[in-house]
């Protein structure tokens, strides 16, 4: 109910691809601004 589901039997063509998880989830830090992300990236 919280996540939209697609019909697994539908004939579709992918138009994009991406990472299945956010980098913040892997590192344990959630950053919501580009400047702050840059600051953390330099550390």
Protein backbone atom coordinates (compact mmCIF):
# COMPACT_ATOMS: atom_id res chain seq x y z
CA UNK A 1 0.00 0.00 0.00
CA UNK A 2 2.86 2.40 0.68
CA UNK A 3 4.85 1.47 -2.41
CA UNK A 4 3.43 1.53 -5.95
CA UNK A 5 3.63 -1.84 -7.66
CA UNK A 6 3.97 -2.57 -11.35
CA UNK A 7 2.43 -5.53 -13.10
CA UNK A 8 5.30 -8.05 -13.41
CA UNK A 9 3.68 -9.54 -16.53
CA UNK A 10 3.46 -6.20 -18.37
CA UNK A 11 5.58 -5.76 -21.51
CA UNK A 12 7.68 -2.64 -20.80
CA UNK A 13 10.93 -1.02 -21.89
CA UNK A 14 13.18 0.60 -19.28
CA UNK A 15 13.79 4.30 -19.94
CA UNK A 16 16.33 4.82 -17.12
CA UNK A 17 18.37 2.97 -14.52
CA UNK A 18 19.77 3.90 -11.15
CA UNK A 19 21.13 2.85 -7.79
CA UNK A 20 18.73 0.86 -5.58
CA UNK A 21 19.77 2.72 -2.40
CA UNK A 22 20.85 6.20 -1.41
CA UNK A 23 24.49 6.90 -0.49
CA UNK A 24 23.32 8.32 2.86
CA UNK A 25 21.78 4.99 3.79
CA UNK A 26 25.11 3.25 3.20
CA UNK A 27 27.18 5.78 5.16
CA UNK A 28 24.66 6.53 7.91
CA UNK A 29 24.41 10.26 7.15
CA UNK A 30 21.37 11.95 5.61
CA UNK A 31 22.15 15.29 3.95
CA UNK A 32 19.49 17.49 2.37
CA UNK A 33 21.59 20.26 0.84
CA UNK A 34 24.34 20.36 -1.79
CA UNK A 35 26.64 22.60 0.26
CA UNK A 36 26.44 20.36 3.31
CA UNK A 37 26.94 17.23 1.18
CA UNK A 38 30.08 18.80 -0.29
CA UNK A 39 31.33 19.57 3.22
CA UNK A 40 30.82 15.95 4.33
CA UNK A 41 32.46 14.70 1.12
CA UNK A 42 35.66 16.60 1.89
CA UNK A 43 35.98 15.05 5.37
